[in-house]
């Protein structure tokens, strides 16, 4: 099987990590505020870190879309769901039910299948 270009691999990893960790940071930050105190929550360092990571995620996603097809990028980006579930259980001490772990396993299986394909599956412009 041909190797993926390094920039595609690096961007794929960045998309996964920045999304999962950014959402985890937002969750940590928002738990210390009420449901309606969004303005004050924007000054929380965890919320700021989460927002910055999600901005990085968006930029990495855009860059990855310029080098790979949507049918490759979106399933690879779905790996952040796996990372979010793991971070939720380990870092946030959330209960993840067996049904949710089964869903995470299905997502992981889909990622494994899609990950075996080359990033560019259609003709380039």
PDB file of N, CA and C in Angstrom:
ATOM      1  N   UNK A   1       0.846  -1.179   0.000  1.00  0.00           N
ATOM      2  CA  UNK A   1       0.000   0.000   0.000  1.00  0.00           C
ATOM      3  C   UNK A   1       0.891   1.241   0.000  1.00  0.00           C
ATOM      4  N   UNK A   2       0.599   2.206  -0.865  1.00  0.00           N
ATOM      5  CA  UNK A   2       1.401   3.429  -0.900  1.00  0.00           C
ATOM      6  C   UNK A   2       1.280   4.212   0.406  1.00  0.00           C
ATOM      7  N   UNK A   3       2.328   4.939   0.736  1.00  0.00           N
ATOM      8  CA  UNK A   3       2.344   5.727   1.961  1.00  0.00           C
ATOM      9  C   UNK A   3       1.606   7.039   1.769  1.00  0.00           C
ATOM     10  N   UNK A   4       1.008   7.494   2.856  1.00  0.00           N
ATOM     11  CA  UNK A   4       0.334   8.795   2.835  1.00  0.00           C
ATOM     12  C   UNK A   4       1.376   9.893   2.979  1.00  0.00           C
ATOM     13  N   UNK A   5       1.158  11.016   2.317  1.00  0.00           N
ATOM     14  CA  UNK A   5       2.079  12.144   2.505  1.00  0.00           C
ATOM     15  C   UNK A   5       2.111  12.569   3.975  1.00  0.00           C
ATOM     16  N   UNK A   6       3.283  12.997   4.429  1.00  0.00           N
ATOM     17  CA  UNK A   6       3.446  13.360   5.842  1.00  0.00           C
ATOM     18  C   UNK A   6       2.526  14.490   6.267  1.00  0.00           C
ATOM     19  N   UNK A   7       2.303  15.465   5.392  1.00  0.00           N
ATOM     20  CA  UNK A   7       1.439  16.579   5.776  1.00  0.00           C
ATOM     21  C   UNK A   7      -0.002  16.126   5.991  1.00  0.00           C
ATOM     22  N   UNK A   8      -0.441  15.122   5.247  1.00  0.00           N
ATOM     23  CA  UNK A   8      -1.793  14.599   5.430  1.00  0.00           C
ATOM     24  C   UNK A   8      -1.890  13.859   6.759  1.00  0.00           C
ATOM     25  N   UNK A   9      -0.866  13.091   7.087  1.00  0.00           N
ATOM     26  CA  UNK A   9      -0.844  12.364   8.370  1.00  0.00           C
ATOM     27  C   UNK A   9      -0.824  13.366   9.526  1.00  0.00           C
ATOM     28  N   UNK A  10       0.051  14.381   9.435  1.00  0.00           N
ATOM     29  CA  UNK A  10       0.162  15.383  10.505  1.00  0.00           C
ATOM     30  C   UNK A  10      -1.149  16.140  10.681  1.00  0.00           C
ATOM     31  N   UNK A  11      -1.766  16.542   9.582  1.00  0.00           N
ATOM     32  CA  UNK A  11      -3.036  17.261   9.676  1.00  0.00           C
ATOM     33  C   UNK A  11      -4.152  16.365  10.209  1.00  0.00           C
ATOM     34  N   UNK A  12      -4.133  15.091   9.835  1.00  0.00           N
ATOM     35  CA  UNK A  12      -5.143  14.156  10.345  1.00  0.00           C
ATOM     36  C   UNK A  12      -5.033  14.026  11.862  1.00  0.00           C
ATOM     37  N   UNK A  13      -3.821  13.903  12.357  1.00  0.00           N
ATOM     38  CA  UNK A  13      -3.603  13.813  13.800  1.00  0.00           C
ATOM     39  C   UNK A  13      -4.028  15.107  14.483  1.00  0.00           C
ATOM     40  N   UNK A  14      -3.677  16.251  13.876  1.00  0.00           N
ATOM     41  CA  UNK A  14      -4.046  17.545  14.455  1.00  0.00           C
ATOM     42  C   UNK A  14      -5.564  17.692  14.534  1.00  0.00           C
ATOM     43  N   UNK A  15      -6.271  17.290  13.488  1.00  0.00           N
ATOM     44  CA  UNK A  15      -7.742  17.382  13.472  1.00  0.00           C
ATOM     45  C   UNK A  15      -8.336  16.567  14.623  1.00  0.00           C
ATOM     46  N   UNK A  16      -7.821  15.372  14.819  1.00  0.00           N
ATOM     47  CA  UNK A  16      -8.352  14.483  15.858  1.00  0.00           C
ATOM     48  C   UNK A  16      -8.053  15.039  17.248  1.00  0.00           C
ATOM     49  N   UNK A  17      -6.801  15.364  17.507  1.00  0.00           N
ATOM     50  CA  UNK A  17      -6.378  15.790  18.848  1.00  0.00           C
ATOM     51  C   UNK A  17      -6.971  17.150  19.216  1.00  0.00           C
ATOM     52  N   UNK A  18      -6.895  18.116  18.304  1.00  0.00           N
ATOM     53  CA  UNK A  18      -7.401  19.455  18.624  1.00  0.00           C
ATOM     54  C   UNK A  18      -8.897  19.446  18.909  1.00  0.00           C
ATOM     55  N   UNK A  19      -9.661  18.652  18.176  1.00  0.00           N
ATOM     56  CA  UNK A  19     -11.101  18.591  18.402  1.00  0.00           C
ATOM     57  C   UNK A  19     -11.410  17.955  19.754  1.00  0.00           C
ATOM     58  N   UNK A  20     -10.838  16.799  20.025  1.00  0.00           N
ATOM     59  CA  UNK A  20     -11.148  16.088  21.273  1.00  0.00           C
ATOM     60  C   UNK A  20     -10.674  16.878  22.494  1.00  0.00           C
ATOM     61  N   UNK A  21      -9.449  17.367  22.480  1.00  0.00           N
ATOM     62  CA  UNK A  21      -8.915  18.091  23.627  1.00  0.00           C
ATOM     63  C   UNK A  21      -9.601  19.456  23.770  1.00  0.00           C
ATOM     64  N   UNK A  22      -9.882  20.124  22.658  1.00  0.00           N
ATOM     65  CA  UNK A  22     -10.585  21.401  22.722  1.00  0.00           C
ATOM     66  C   UNK A  22     -11.959  21.267  23.353  1.00  0.00           C
ATOM     67  N   UNK A  23     -12.701  20.252  22.971  1.00  0.00           N
ATOM     68  CA  UNK A  23     -14.023  20.034  23.565  1.00  0.00           C
ATOM     69  C   UNK A  23     -13.926  19.659  25.039  1.00  0.00           C
ATOM     70  N   UNK A  24     -12.904  18.903  25.402  1.00  0.00           N
ATOM     71  CA  UNK A  24     -12.693  18.547  26.805  1.00  0.00           C
ATOM     72  C   UNK A  24     -12.402  19.808  27.626  1.00  0.00           C
ATOM     73  N   UNK A  25     -11.566  20.687  27.106  1.00  0.00           N
ATOM     74  CA  UNK A  25     -11.269  21.950  27.799  1.00  0.00           C
ATOM     75  C   UNK A  25     -12.529  22.797  27.967  1.00  0.00           C
ATOM     76  N   UNK A  26     -13.346  22.870  26.927  1.00  0.00           N
ATOM     77  CA  UNK A  26     -14.605  23.620  27.035  1.00  0.00           C
ATOM     78  C   UNK A  26     -15.498  23.034  28.120  1.00  0.00           C
ATOM     79  N   UNK A  27     -15.564  21.718  28.187  1.00  0.00           N
ATOM     80  CA  UNK A  27     -16.400  21.074  29.190  1.00  0.00           C
ATOM     81  C   UNK A  27     -15.900  21.381  30.598  1.00  0.00           C
ATOM     82  N   UNK A  28     -14.589  21.298  30.798  1.00  0.00           N
ATOM     83  CA  UNK A  28     -14.015  21.616  32.111  1.00  0.00           C
ATOM     84  C   UNK A  28     -14.341  23.056  32.491  1.00  0.00           C
ATOM     85  N   UNK A  29     -14.129  23.976  31.573  1.00  0.00           N
ATOM     86  CA  UNK A  29     -14.373  25.381  31.858  1.00  0.00           C
ATOM     87  C   UNK A  29     -15.824  25.702  32.104  1.00  0.00           C
ATOM     88  N   UNK A  30     -16.723  25.124  31.332  1.00  0.00           N
ATOM     89  CA  UNK A  30     -18.143  25.465  31.444  1.00  0.00           C
ATOM     90  C   UNK A  30     -18.799  24.843  32.668  1.00  0.00           C
ATOM     91  N   UNK A  31     -18.218  23.797  33.217  1.00  0.00           N
ATOM     92  CA  UNK A  31     -18.807  23.170  34.410  1.00  0.00           C
ATOM     93  C   UNK A  31     -18.724  24.072  35.640  1.00  0.00           C
ATOM     94  N   UNK A  32     -17.859  25.057  35.609  1.00  0.00           N
ATOM     95  CA  UNK A  32     -17.721  25.941  36.763  1.00  0.00           C
ATOM     96  C   UNK A  32     -18.662  27.148  36.685  1.00  0.00           C
ATOM     97  N   UNK A  33     -19.481  27.226  35.634  1.00  0.00           N
ATOM     98  CA  UNK A  33     -20.411  28.350  35.465  1.00  0.00           C
ATOM     99  C   UNK A  33     -21.816  27.835  35.284  1.00  0.00           C
ATOM    100  N   UNK A  34     -22.776  28.690  35.565  1.00  0.00           N
ATOM    101  CA  UNK A  34     -24.170  28.334  35.368  1.00  0.00           C
ATOM    102  C   UNK A  34     -24.517  28.266  33.893  1.00  0.00           C
ATOM    103  N   UNK A  35     -25.699  27.778  33.631  1.00  0.00           N
ATOM    104  CA  UNK A  35     -26.141  27.586  32.245  1.00  0.00           C
ATOM    105  C   UNK A  35     -26.348  28.893  31.499  1.00  0.00           C
ATOM    106  N   UNK A  36     -26.458  30.016  32.210  1.00  0.00           N
ATOM    107  CA  UNK A  36     -26.727  31.281  31.532  1.00  0.00           C
ATOM    108  C   UNK A  36     -25.600  32.294  31.641  1.00  0.00           C
ATOM    109  N   UNK A  37     -24.517  31.954  32.290  1.00  0.00           N
ATOM    110  CA  UNK A  37     -23.425  32.907  32.516  1.00  0.00           C
ATOM    111  C   UNK A  37     -22.332  32.743  31.457  1.00  0.00           C
ATOM    112  N   UNK A  38     -22.722  32.803  30.183  1.00  0.00           N
ATOM    113  CA  UNK A  38     -21.785  32.566  29.091  1.00  0.00           C
ATOM    114  C   UNK A  38     -20.750  33.678  28.942  1.00  0.00           C
ATOM    115  N   UNK A  39     -21.158  34.902  29.204  1.00  0.00           N
ATOM    116  CA  UNK A  39     -20.237  36.026  29.041  1.00  0.00           C
ATOM    117  C   UNK A  39     -19.080  35.905  30.028  1.00  0.00           C
ATOM    118  N   UNK A  40     -19.385  35.634  31.295  1.00  0.00           N
ATOM    119  CA  UNK A  40     -18.331  35.460  32.291  1.00  0.00           C
ATOM    120  C   UNK A  40     -17.498  34.210  32.012  1.00  0.00           C
ATOM    121  N   UNK A  41     -18.119  33.174  31.461  1.00  0.00           N
ATOM    122  CA  UNK A  41     -17.397  31.933  31.161  1.00  0.00           C
ATOM    123  C   UNK A  41     -16.307  32.155  30.109  1.00  0.00           C
ATOM    124  N   UNK A  42     -16.492  33.150  29.265  1.00  0.00           N
ATOM    125  CA  UNK A  42     -15.503  33.414  28.206  1.00  0.00           C
ATOM    126  C   UNK A  42     -14.155  33.871  28.770  1.00  0.00           C
ATOM    127  N   UNK A  43     -14.112  34.244  30.040  1.00  0.00           N
ATOM    128  CA  UNK A  43     -12.848  34.647  30.658  1.00  0.00           C
ATOM    129  C   UNK A  43     -12.147  33.489  31.358  1.00  0.00           C
ATOM    130  N   UNK A  44     -12.789  32.332  31.411  1.00  0.00           N
ATOM    131  CA  UNK A  44     -12.197  31.160  32.054  1.00  0.00           C
ATOM    132  C   UNK A  44     -11.051  30.640  31.190  1.00  0.00           C
ATOM    133  N   UNK A  45      -9.874  30.385  31.777  1.00  0.00           N
ATOM    134  CA  UNK A  45      -8.736  29.898  30.984  1.00  0.00           C
ATOM    135  C   UNK A  45      -9.014  28.585  30.242  1.00  0.00           C
ATOM    136  N   UNK A  46      -9.816  27.703  30.845  1.00  0.00           N
ATOM    137  CA  UNK A  46     -10.144  26.440  30.171  1.00  0.00           C
ATOM    138  C   UNK A  46     -10.993  26.693  28.931  1.00  0.00           C
ATOM    139  N   UNK A  47     -11.932  27.603  29.048  1.00  0.00           N
ATOM    140  CA  UNK A  47     -12.795  27.944  27.907  1.00  0.00           C
ATOM    141  C   UNK A  47     -11.962  28.606  26.812  1.00  0.00           C
ATOM    142  N   UNK A  48     -11.092  29.520  27.197  1.00  0.00           N
ATOM    143  CA  UNK A  48     -10.224  30.184  26.215  1.00  0.00           C
ATOM    144  C   UNK A  48      -9.343  29.158  25.507  1.00  0.00           C
ATOM    145  N   UNK A  49      -8.758  28.238  26.280  1.00  0.00           N
ATOM    146  CA  UNK A  49      -7.916  27.188  25.673  1.00  0.00           C
ATOM    147  C   UNK A  49      -8.732  26.322  24.724  1.00  0.00           C
ATOM    148  N   UNK A  50      -9.953  25.975  25.129  1.00  0.00           N
ATOM    149  CA  UNK A  50     -10.817  25.170  24.265  1.00  0.00           C
ATOM    150  C   UNK A  50     -11.159  25.879  22.971  1.00  0.00           C
ATOM    151  N   UNK A  51     -11.469  27.165  23.074  1.00  0.00           N
ATOM    152  CA  UNK A  51     -11.795  27.942  21.877  1.00  0.00           C
ATOM    153  C   UNK A  51     -10.589  28.013  20.943  1.00  0.00           C
ATOM    154  N   UNK A  52      -9.417  28.278  21.497  1.00  0.00           N
ATOM    155  CA  UNK A  52      -8.207  28.354  20.672  1.00  0.00           C
ATOM    156  C   UNK A  52      -7.912  27.016  19.988  1.00  0.00           C
ATOM    157  N   UNK A  53      -8.093  25.915  20.721  1.00  0.00           N
ATOM    158  CA  UNK A  53      -7.866  24.595  20.112  1.00  0.00           C
ATOM    159  C   UNK A  53      -8.878  24.310  19.011  1.00  0.00           C
ATOM    160  N   UNK A  54     -10.118  24.722  19.221  1.00  0.00           N
ATOM    161  CA  UNK A  54     -11.123  24.488  18.184  1.00  0.00           C
ATOM    162  C   UNK A  54     -10.907  25.383  16.972  1.00  0.00           C
ATOM    163  N   UNK A  55     -10.333  26.558  17.162  1.00  0.00           N
ATOM    164  CA  UNK A  55      -9.928  27.376  16.010  1.00  0.00           C
ATOM    165  C   UNK A  55      -8.815  26.651  15.251  1.00  0.00           C
ATOM    166  N   UNK A  56      -7.842  26.101  15.997  1.00  0.00           N
ATOM    167  CA  UNK A  56      -6.783  25.302  15.364  1.00  0.00           C
ATOM    168  C   UNK A  56      -7.341  24.098  14.644  1.00  0.00           C
ATOM    169  N   UNK A  57      -8.347  23.441  15.244  1.00  0.00           N
ATOM    170  CA  UNK A  57      -8.990  22.294  14.603  1.00  0.00           C
ATOM    171  C   UNK A  57      -9.624  22.703  13.272  1.00  0.00           C
ATOM    172  N   UNK A  58     -10.324  23.836  13.272  1.00  0.00           N
ATOM    173  CA  UNK A  58     -10.972  24.295  12.042  1.00  0.00           C
ATOM    174  C   UNK A  58      -9.943  24.585  10.950  1.00  0.00           C
ATOM    175  N   UNK A  59      -8.850  25.232  11.319  1.00  0.00           N
ATOM    176  CA  UNK A  59      -7.802  25.526  10.333  1.00  0.00           C
ATOM    177  C   UNK A  59      -7.159  24.245   9.807  1.00  0.00           C
ATOM    178  N   UNK A  60      -6.900  23.288  10.698  1.00  0.00           N
ATOM    179  CA  UNK A  60      -6.327  22.010  10.262  1.00  0.00           C
ATOM    180  C   UNK A  60      -7.312  21.258   9.365  1.00  0.00           C
ATOM    181  N   UNK A  61      -8.594  21.301   9.711  1.00  0.00           N
ATOM    182  CA  UNK A  61      -9.624  20.641   8.897  1.00  0.00           C
ATOM    183  C   UNK A  61      -9.685  21.263   7.504  1.00  0.00           C
ATOM    184  N   UNK A  62      -9.636  22.591   7.434  1.00  0.00           N
ATOM    185  CA  UNK A  62      -9.652  23.264   6.138  1.00  0.00           C
ATOM    186  C   UNK A  62      -8.429  22.890   5.308  1.00  0.00           C
ATOM    187  N   UNK A  63      -7.266  22.883   5.939  1.00  0.00           N
ATOM    188  CA  UNK A  63      -6.048  22.506   5.220  1.00  0.00           C
ATOM    189  C   UNK A  63      -6.126  21.060   4.740  1.00  0.00           C
ATOM    190  N   UNK A  64      -6.615  20.177   5.591  1.00  0.00           N
ATOM    191  CA  UNK A  64      -6.728  18.771   5.203  1.00  0.00           C
ATOM    192  C   UNK A  64      -7.704  18.601   4.043  1.00  0.00           C
ATOM    193  N   UNK A  65      -8.782  19.363   4.051  1.00  0.00           N
ATOM    194  CA  UNK A  65      -9.741  19.281   2.941  1.00  0.00           C
ATOM    195  C   UNK A  65      -9.135  19.754   1.621  1.00  0.00           C
ATOM    196  N   UNK A  66      -8.102  20.587   1.682  1.00  0.00           N
ATOM    197  CA  UNK A  66      -7.466  21.028   0.446  1.00  0.00           C
ATOM    198  C   UNK A  66      -6.565  19.946  -0.146  1.00  0.00           C
ATOM    199  N   UNK A  67      -6.181  18.935   0.653  1.00  0.00           N
ATOM    200  CA  UNK A  67      -5.300  17.870   0.161  1.00  0.00           C
ATOM    201  C   UNK A  67      -5.960  16.504   0.081  1.00  0.00           C
ATOM    202  N   UNK A  68      -7.142  16.371   0.662  1.00  0.00           N
ATOM    203  CA  UNK A  68      -7.783  15.057   0.675  1.00  0.00           C
ATOM    204  C   UNK A  68      -9.283  15.221   0.436  1.00  0.00           C
ATOM    205  N   UNK A  69      -9.877  14.167  -0.043  1.00  0.00           N
ATOM    206  CA  UNK A  69     -11.303  14.185  -0.334  1.00  0.00           C
ATOM    207  C   UNK A  69     -12.135  14.213   0.941  1.00  0.00           C
ATOM    208  N   UNK A  70     -13.333  14.772   0.831  1.00  0.00           N
ATOM    209  CA  UNK A  70     -14.262  14.841   1.951  1.00  0.00           C
ATOM    210  C   UNK A  70     -14.565  13.450   2.496  1.00  0.00           C
ATOM    211  N   UNK A  71     -14.649  12.464   1.614  1.00  0.00           N
ATOM    212  CA  UNK A  71     -14.965  11.099   2.037  1.00  0.00           C
ATOM    213  C   UNK A  71     -13.833  10.470   2.840  1.00  0.00           C
ATOM    214  N   UNK A  72     -12.649  11.071   2.827  1.00  0.00           N
ATOM    215  CA  UNK A  72     -11.539  10.640   3.677  1.00  0.00           C
ATOM    216  C   UNK A  72     -11.493  11.485   4.942  1.00  0.00           C
ATOM    217  N   UNK A  73     -11.671  12.798   4.800  1.00  0.00           N
ATOM    218  CA  UNK A  73     -11.478  13.731   5.909  1.00  0.00           C
ATOM    219  C   UNK A  73     -12.531  13.554   7.006  1.00  0.00           C
ATOM    220  N   UNK A  74     -13.795  13.465   6.646  1.00  0.00           N
ATOM    221  CA  UNK A  74     -14.837  13.386   7.673  1.00  0.00           C
ATOM    222  C   UNK A  74     -14.747  12.117   8.517  1.00  0.00           C
ATOM    223  N   UNK A  75     -14.550  10.939   7.937  1.00  0.00           N
ATOM    224  CA  UNK A  75     -14.390   9.764   8.805  1.00  0.00           C
ATOM    225  C   UNK A  75     -13.129   9.832   9.684  1.00  0.00           C
ATOM    226  N   UNK A  76     -12.047  10.392   9.155  1.00  0.00           N
ATOM    227  CA  UNK A  76     -10.845  10.535   9.973  1.00  0.00           C
ATOM    228  C   UNK A  76     -11.132  11.505  11.121  1.00  0.00           C
ATOM    229  N   UNK A  77     -11.844  12.575  10.825  1.00  0.00           N
ATOM    230  CA  UNK A  77     -12.218  13.524  11.866  1.00  0.00           C
ATOM    231  C   UNK A  77     -13.134  12.915  12.919  1.00  0.00           C
ATOM    232  N   UNK A  78     -13.864  11.873  12.550  1.00  0.00           N
ATOM    233  CA  UNK A  78     -14.749  11.196  13.503  1.00  0.00           C
ATOM    234  C   UNK A  78     -13.954  10.501  14.607  1.00  0.00           C
ATOM    235  N   UNK A  79     -12.668  10.340  14.415  1.00  0.00           N
ATOM    236  CA  UNK A  79     -11.838   9.758  15.472  1.00  0.00           C
ATOM    237  C   UNK A  79     -11.856  10.637  16.716  1.00  0.00           C
ATOM    238  N   UNK A  80     -12.187  11.900  16.548  1.00  0.00           N
ATOM    239  CA  UNK A  80     -12.286  12.774  17.725  1.00  0.00           C
ATOM    240  C   UNK A  80     -13.432  12.335  18.633  1.00  0.00           C
ATOM    241  N   UNK A  81     -14.443  11.662  18.091  1.00  0.00           N
ATOM    242  CA  UNK A  81     -15.518  11.128  18.935  1.00  0.00           C
ATOM    243  C   UNK A  81     -14.970  10.047  19.855  1.00  0.00           C
ATOM    244  N   UNK A  82     -14.086   9.239  19.328  1.00  0.00           N
ATOM    245  CA  UNK A  82     -13.444   8.208  20.144  1.00  0.00           C
ATOM    246  C   UNK A  82     -12.602   8.885  21.226  1.00  0.00           C
ATOM    247  N   UNK A  83     -11.802   9.875  20.812  1.00  0.00           N
ATOM    248  CA  UNK A  83     -10.970  10.594  21.776  1.00  0.00           C
ATOM    249  C   UNK A  83     -11.802  11.312  22.825  1.00  0.00           C
ATOM    250  N   UNK A  84     -12.919  11.886  22.427  1.00  0.00           N
ATOM    251  CA  UNK A  84     -13.791  12.581  23.378  1.00  0.00           C
ATOM    252  C   UNK A  84     -14.378  11.618  24.404  1.00  0.00           C
ATOM    253  N   UNK A  85     -14.768  10.443  23.961  1.00  0.00           N
ATOM    254  CA  UNK A  85     -15.310   9.449  24.898  1.00  0.00           C
ATOM    255  C   UNK A  85     -14.242   9.004  25.891  1.00  0.00           C
ATOM    256  N   UNK A  86     -13.043   8.784  25.401  1.00  0.00           N
ATOM    257  CA  UNK A  86     -11.945   8.367  26.285  1.00  0.00           C
ATOM    258  C   UNK A  86     -11.601   9.489  27.267  1.00  0.00           C
ATOM    259  N   UNK A  87     -11.488  10.727  26.774  1.00  0.00           N
ATOM    260  CA  UNK A  87     -11.200  11.857  27.661  1.00  0.00           C
ATOM    261  C   UNK A  87     -12.335  12.078  28.657  1.00  0.00           C
ATOM    262  N   UNK A  88     -13.561  11.922  28.210  1.00  0.00           N
ATOM    263  CA  UNK A  88     -14.696  12.066  29.120  1.00  0.00           C
ATOM    264  C   UNK A  88     -14.630  11.067  30.263  1.00  0.00           C
ATOM    265  N   UNK A  89     -14.276   9.838  29.940  1.00  0.00           N
ATOM    266  CA  UNK A  89     -14.191   8.805  30.973  1.00  0.00           C
ATOM    267  C   UNK A  89     -12.974   9.001  31.875  1.00  0.00           C
ATOM    268  N   UNK A  90     -11.808   9.278  31.294  1.00  0.00           N
ATOM    269  CA  UNK A  90     -10.574   9.337  32.079  1.00  0.00           C
ATOM    270  C   UNK A  90     -10.340  10.687  32.761  1.00  0.00           C
ATOM    271  N   UNK A  91     -10.562  11.779  32.034  1.00  0.00           N
ATOM    272  CA  UNK A  91     -10.249  13.106  32.574  1.00  0.00           C
ATOM    273  C   UNK A  91     -11.439  13.693  33.331  1.00  0.00           C
ATOM    274  N   UNK A  92     -12.620  13.596  32.750  1.00  0.00           N
ATOM    275  CA  UNK A  92     -13.805  14.205  33.351  1.00  0.00           C
ATOM    276  C   UNK A  92     -14.547  13.256  34.291  1.00  0.00           C
ATOM    277  N   UNK A  93     -14.133  12.008  34.345  1.00  0.00           N
ATOM    278  CA  UNK A  93     -14.741  10.983  35.210  1.00  0.00           C
ATOM    279  C   UNK A  93     -16.230  10.820  34.935  1.00  0.00           C
ATOM    280  N   UNK A  94     -16.585  10.893  33.650  1.00  0.00           N
ATOM    281  CA  UNK A  94     -17.973  10.690  33.252  1.00  0.00           C
ATOM    282  C   UNK A  94     -18.250   9.201  33.100  1.00  0.00           C
ATOM    283  N   UNK A  95     -19.480   8.817  33.377  1.00  0.00           N
ATOM    284  CA  UNK A  95     -19.886   7.432  33.152  1.00  0.00           C
ATOM    285  C   UNK A  95     -20.219   7.268  31.668  1.00  0.00           C
ATOM    286  N   UNK A  96     -19.565   6.331  31.037  1.00  0.00           N
ATOM    287  CA  UNK A  96     -19.846   6.025  29.632  1.00  0.00           C
ATOM    288  C   UNK A  96     -20.477   4.637  29.610  1.00  0.00           C
ATOM    289  N   UNK A  97     -21.721   4.578  29.192  1.00  0.00           N
ATOM    290  CA  UNK A  97     -22.462   3.312  29.214  1.00  0.00           C
ATOM    291  C   UNK A  97     -21.904   2.331  28.191  1.00  0.00           C
ATOM    292  N   UNK A  98     -22.286   1.082  28.358  1.00  0.00           N
ATOM    293  CA  UNK A  98     -21.862   0.037  27.423  1.00  0.00           C
ATOM    294  C   UNK A  98     -22.363   0.333  26.011  1.00  0.00           C
ATOM    295  N   UNK A  99     -23.558   0.875  25.908  1.00  0.00           N
ATOM    296  CA  UNK A  99     -24.111   1.206  24.583  1.00  0.00           C
ATOM    297  C   UNK A  99     -23.255   2.287  23.912  1.00  0.00           C
ATOM    298  N   UNK A 100     -22.808   3.274  24.693  1.00  0.00           N
ATOM    299  CA  UNK A 100     -21.951   4.318  24.118  1.00  0.00           C
ATOM    300  C   UNK A 100     -20.597   3.751  23.714  1.00  0.00           C
ATOM    301  N   UNK A 101     -20.026   2.869  24.550  1.00  0.00           N
ATOM    302  CA  UNK A 101     -18.751   2.248  24.171  1.00  0.00           C
ATOM    303  C   UNK A 101     -18.918   1.407  22.906  1.00  0.00           C
ATOM    304  N   UNK A 102     -20.077   0.750  22.749  1.00  0.00           N
ATOM    305  CA  UNK A 102     -20.333  -0.017  21.525  1.00  0.00           C
ATOM    306  C   UNK A 102     -20.367   0.916  20.318  1.00  0.00           C
ATOM    307  N   UNK A 103     -20.994   2.085  20.480  1.00  0.00           N
ATOM    308  CA  UNK A 103     -21.012   3.071  19.404  1.00  0.00           C
ATOM    309  C   UNK A 103     -19.619   3.571  19.078  1.00  0.00           C
ATOM    310  N   UNK A 104     -18.821   3.806  20.113  1.00  0.00           N
ATOM    311  CA  UNK A 104     -17.435   4.251  19.914  1.00  0.00           C
ATOM    312  C   UNK A 104     -16.656   3.173  19.167  1.00  0.00           C
ATOM    313  N   UNK A 105     -16.894   1.911  19.505  1.00  0.00           N
ATOM    314  CA  UNK A 105     -16.217   0.809  18.811  1.00  0.00           C
ATOM    315  C   UNK A 105     -16.615   0.753  17.334  1.00  0.00           C
ATOM    316  N   UNK A 106     -17.891   0.992  17.037  1.00  0.00           N
ATOM    317  CA  UNK A 106     -18.339   1.024  15.638  1.00  0.00           C
ATOM    318  C   UNK A 106     -17.674   2.172  14.877  1.00  0.00           C
ATOM    319  N   UNK A 107     -17.586   3.332  15.518  1.00  0.00           N
ATOM    320  CA  UNK A 107     -16.900   4.465  14.897  1.00  0.00           C
ATOM    321  C   UNK A 107     -15.436   4.097  14.633  1.00  0.00           C
ATOM    322  N   UNK A 108     -14.797   3.473  15.626  1.00  0.00           N
ATOM    323  CA  UNK A 108     -13.409   3.056  15.465  1.00  0.00           C
ATOM    324  C   UNK A 108     -13.234   2.076  14.312  1.00  0.00           C
ATOM    325  N   UNK A 109     -14.174   1.149  14.164  1.00  0.00           N
ATOM    326  CA  UNK A 109     -14.095   0.190  13.057  1.00  0.00           C
ATOM    327  C   UNK A 109     -14.241   0.914  11.718  1.00  0.00           C
ATOM    328  N   UNK A 110     -15.148   1.867  11.643  1.00  0.00           N
ATOM    329  CA  UNK A 110     -15.307   2.644  10.413  1.00  0.00           C
ATOM    330  C   UNK A 110     -14.063   3.443  10.078  1.00  0.00           C
ATOM    331  N   UNK A 111     -13.449   4.026  11.090  1.00  0.00           N
ATOM    332  CA  UNK A 111     -12.215   4.778  10.884  1.00  0.00           C
ATOM    333  C   UNK A 111     -11.115   3.871  10.365  1.00  0.00           C
ATOM    334  N   UNK A 112     -11.025   2.673  10.926  1.00  0.00           N
ATOM    335  CA  UNK A 112      -9.996   1.716  10.494  1.00  0.00           C
ATOM    336  C   UNK A 112     -10.186   1.339   9.020  1.00  0.00           C
ATOM    337  N   UNK A 113     -11.426   1.170   8.606  1.00  0.00           N
ATOM    338  CA  UNK A 113     -11.691   0.814   7.213  1.00  0.00           C
ATOM    339  C   UNK A 113     -11.351   1.978   6.287  1.00  0.00           C
ATOM    340  N   UNK A 114     -11.830   3.174   6.624  1.00  0.00           N
ATOM    341  CA  UNK A 114     -11.577   4.342   5.781  1.00  0.00           C
ATOM    342  C   UNK A 114     -10.096   4.702   5.787  1.00  0.00           C
ATOM    343  N   UNK A 115      -9.447   4.531   6.929  1.00  0.00           N
ATOM    344  CA  UNK A 115      -8.029   4.863   7.047  1.00  0.00           C
ATOM    345  C   UNK A 115      -7.130   4.032   6.161  1.00  0.00           C
ATOM    346  N   UNK A 116      -7.621   2.925   5.680  1.00  0.00           N
ATOM    347  CA  UNK A 116      -6.823   2.079   4.787  1.00  0.00           C
ATOM    348  C   UNK A 116      -6.815   2.592   3.348  1.00  0.00           C
ATOM    349  N   UNK A 117      -7.677   3.549   3.050  1.00  0.00           N
ATOM    350  CA  UNK A 117      -7.726   4.097   1.692  1.00  0.00           C
ATOM    351  C   UNK A 117      -6.762   5.271   1.582  1.00  0.00           C
ATOM    352  N   UNK A 118      -6.440   5.627   0.364  1.00  0.00           N
ATOM    353  CA  UNK A 118      -5.583   6.782   0.144  1.00  0.00           C
ATOM    354  C   UNK A 118      -6.382   8.064   0.357  1.00  0.00           C
ATOM    355  N   UNK A 119      -5.724   9.143   0.807  1.00  0.00           N
ATOM    356  CA  UNK A 119      -6.456  10.379   1.086  1.00  0.00           C
ATOM    357  C   UNK A 119      -7.148  10.992  -0.126  1.00  0.00           C
ATOM    358  N   UNK A 120      -6.586  10.871  -1.315  1.00  0.00           N
ATOM    359  CA  UNK A 120      -7.196  11.467  -2.501  1.00  0.00           C
ATOM    360  C   UNK A 120      -7.752  10.333  -3.340  1.00  0.00           C
ATOM    361  N   UNK A 121      -9.096  10.248  -3.397  1.00  0.00           N
ATOM    362  CA  UNK A 121      -9.712   9.149  -4.130  1.00  0.00           C
ATOM    363  C   UNK A 121     -10.269   9.562  -5.469  1.00  0.00           C
ATOM    364  N   UNK A 122     -10.389  10.861  -5.714  1.00  0.00           N
ATOM    365  CA  UNK A 122     -10.929  11.328  -6.972  1.00  0.00           C
ATOM    366  C   UNK A 122      -9.893  12.116  -7.749  1.00  0.00           C
ATOM    367  N   UNK A 123     -10.234  12.535  -8.956  1.00  0.00           N
ATOM    368  CA  UNK A 123      -9.290  13.329  -9.738  1.00  0.00           C
ATOM    369  C   UNK A 123      -9.076  14.689  -9.112  1.00  0.00           C
ATOM    370  N   UNK A 124      -7.856  15.188  -9.209  1.00  0.00           N
ATOM    371  CA  UNK A 124      -7.542  16.522  -8.680  1.00  0.00           C
ATOM    372  C   UNK A 124      -7.800  17.568  -9.742  1.00  0.00           C
ATOM    373  N   UNK A 125      -8.008  18.799  -9.312  1.00  0.00           N
ATOM    374  CA  UNK A 125      -8.244  19.889 -10.256  1.00  0.00           C
ATOM    375  C   UNK A 125      -6.961  20.502 -10.674  1.00  0.00           C
TER     376      UNK A 125
END
